[in-house]
Each structure stands twice: as C-alpha cells, then as structure tokens.
Amino acid sequence: MLTQSKPVSSSSSSHLPISDGNTFAGQLQQAQSVIGKAQTRYSDSDTCFWALGLAWEAVRLAWYEVVEGHNGGKLRNVENALNDYKRVVEAKRK
C-alpha cells in the first residue's frame, strides 16, 4: 500500500535517494497490481473500468519518474486513458 507523504516543493528538482526510490518504486508497482486486479472486476462498459485504467496509467507515469527520472513517453498513455474515460462517461450521460 502506498504511504502518504508531504508534497515535494515544485521548485525541487532532486529525486529520492536510490534506496528510498527503489522502495517507493516497489510500492508503485504494488499499487499498479492492486489497480489492475480491481479493474478486472468491472466490464469495459463500466466507467469504473476506465477510471481504474486511468489510475493505472498515472501510477505507471509516476513509476517512470521515480525510477528513470523521466516519464519515458508515458504521459501520452495517461492522456489517452483520460480521453477514454471521458468518452465512456459522456456516452453514459446520453
């Protein structure tokens, strides 16, 4: 489970020390696993499925930032997941 921490100042450009980063990266991977398992409980016609997909991609983006210090081009995946979620929500409203 992820532990809550104080937000880091946006002016800070430093990353976590390697040992802390590895621990946190592992927690992020665990979060992805939990989100992925939760997503399987829903069908792709349910908004929860798409919301969890968005959460999974957001955690994946965070993992890349923690481990590699850059997002590895994964921001586009988060944007796509957000667009998918919006599309499903709008379709349900009609």
Protein backbone atom coordinates (compact mmCIF):
# COMPACT_ATOMS: atom_id res chain seq x y z
CA MET A 1 0.00 0.00 0.00
CA LEU A 2 1.25 3.49 -0.76
CA THR A 3 2.25 5.59 2.18
CA GLN A 4 1.12 9.16 2.26
CA SER A 5 3.81 11.79 2.42
CA LYS A 6 4.10 15.54 2.30
CA PRO A 7 4.18 17.00 -1.19
CA VAL A 8 7.59 17.97 -2.50
CA SER A 9 8.08 21.58 -3.42
CA SER A 10 7.69 22.14 -7.15
CA SER A 11 10.96 24.06 -7.12
CA SER A 12 12.81 20.93 -6.06
CA SER A 13 14.47 19.12 -8.94
CA SER A 14 16.03 16.38 -6.86
CA HIS A 15 14.79 12.81 -6.77
CA LEU A 16 14.62 10.40 -3.87
CA PRO A 17 17.85 8.72 -2.79
CA ILE A 18 18.31 5.40 -4.63
CA SER A 19 17.32 3.26 -1.63
CA ASP A 20 14.18 5.34 -0.99
CA GLY A 21 13.42 5.47 -4.71
CA ASN A 22 13.64 1.70 -5.02
CA THR A 23 11.32 1.22 -2.06
CA PHE A 24 8.86 3.72 -3.43
CA ALA A 25 9.14 2.22 -6.94
CA GLY A 26 8.17 -1.13 -5.43
CA GLN A 27 5.18 0.46 -3.72
CA LEU A 28 4.14 1.98 -7.03
CA GLN A 29 4.37 -1.44 -8.68
CA GLN A 30 2.22 -2.88 -5.91
CA ALA A 31 -0.31 -0.11 -6.46
CA GLN A 32 -0.41 -0.94 -10.16
CA SER A 33 -1.04 -4.57 -9.32
CA VAL A 34 -3.90 -3.71 -6.97
CA ILE A 35 -5.43 -1.33 -9.52
CA GLY A 36 -5.10 -3.91 -12.29
CA LYS A 37 -6.78 -6.59 -10.18
CA ALA A 38 -9.58 -4.19 -9.25
CA GLN A 39 -10.09 -3.32 -12.90
CA THR A 40 -10.78 -6.97 -13.75
CA ARG A 41 -13.87 -6.81 -11.51
CA TYR A 42 -15.56 -4.48 -13.99
CA SER A 43 -16.58 -4.81 -17.61
CA ASP A 44 -15.35 -2.35 -20.20
CA SER A 45 -18.85 -0.87 -20.34
CA ASP A 46 -18.50 0.34 -16.74
CA THR A 47 -16.96 3.73 -16.00
CA CYS A 48 -15.06 2.20 -13.07
CA PHE A 49 -13.10 0.06 -15.55
CA TRP A 50 -11.93 3.18 -17.39
CA ALA A 51 -11.28 5.19 -14.22
CA LEU A 52 -9.08 2.38 -12.91
CA GLY A 53 -7.30 2.24 -16.27
CA LEU A 54 -6.57 5.95 -15.92
CA ALA A 55 -5.28 5.41 -12.38
CA TRP A 56 -3.05 2.55 -13.56
CA GLU A 57 -1.51 4.71 -16.27
CA ALA A 58 -0.98 7.60 -13.83
CA VAL A 59 0.84 5.30 -11.41
CA ARG A 60 2.90 3.94 -14.30
CA LEU A 61 3.91 7.50 -15.19
CA ALA A 62 4.93 8.12 -11.57
CA TRP A 63 6.96 4.89 -11.57
CA TYR A 64 8.94 6.06 -14.61
CA GLU A 65 9.60 9.41 -12.96
CA VAL A 66 10.82 7.77 -9.74
CA VAL A 67 12.95 5.09 -11.38
CA GLU A 68 14.27 6.80 -14.50
CA GLY A 69 13.86 10.50 -13.72
CA HIS A 70 11.69 10.99 -16.80
CA ASN A 71 8.32 9.76 -17.93
CA GLY A 72 9.55 7.56 -20.75
CA GLY A 73 6.92 8.99 -23.06
CA LYS A 74 4.15 7.63 -20.82
CA LEU A 75 2.31 10.94 -20.44
CA ARG A 76 0.59 10.24 -23.76
CA ASN A 77 -0.77 6.99 -22.26
CA VAL A 78 -2.27 8.94 -19.35
CA GLU A 79 -3.81 11.43 -21.77
CA ASN A 80 -5.25 8.58 -23.85
CA ALA A 81 -6.65 6.89 -20.74
CA LEU A 82 -8.23 10.17 -19.66
CA ASN A 83 -9.79 10.61 -23.10
CA ASP A 84 -11.13 7.04 -22.98
CA TYR A 85 -12.66 7.70 -19.58
CA LYS A 86 -14.23 10.95 -20.76
CA ARG A 87 -15.66 9.19 -23.83
CA VAL A 88 -17.30 6.47 -21.71
CA VAL A 89 -18.68 9.00 -19.20
CA GLU A 90 -20.15 11.14 -21.99
CA ALA A 91 -21.71 8.07 -23.64
CA LYS A 92 -23.35 7.12 -20.33
CA ARG A 93 -24.83 10.62 -19.95
CA LYS A 94 -26.69 10.38 -23.27
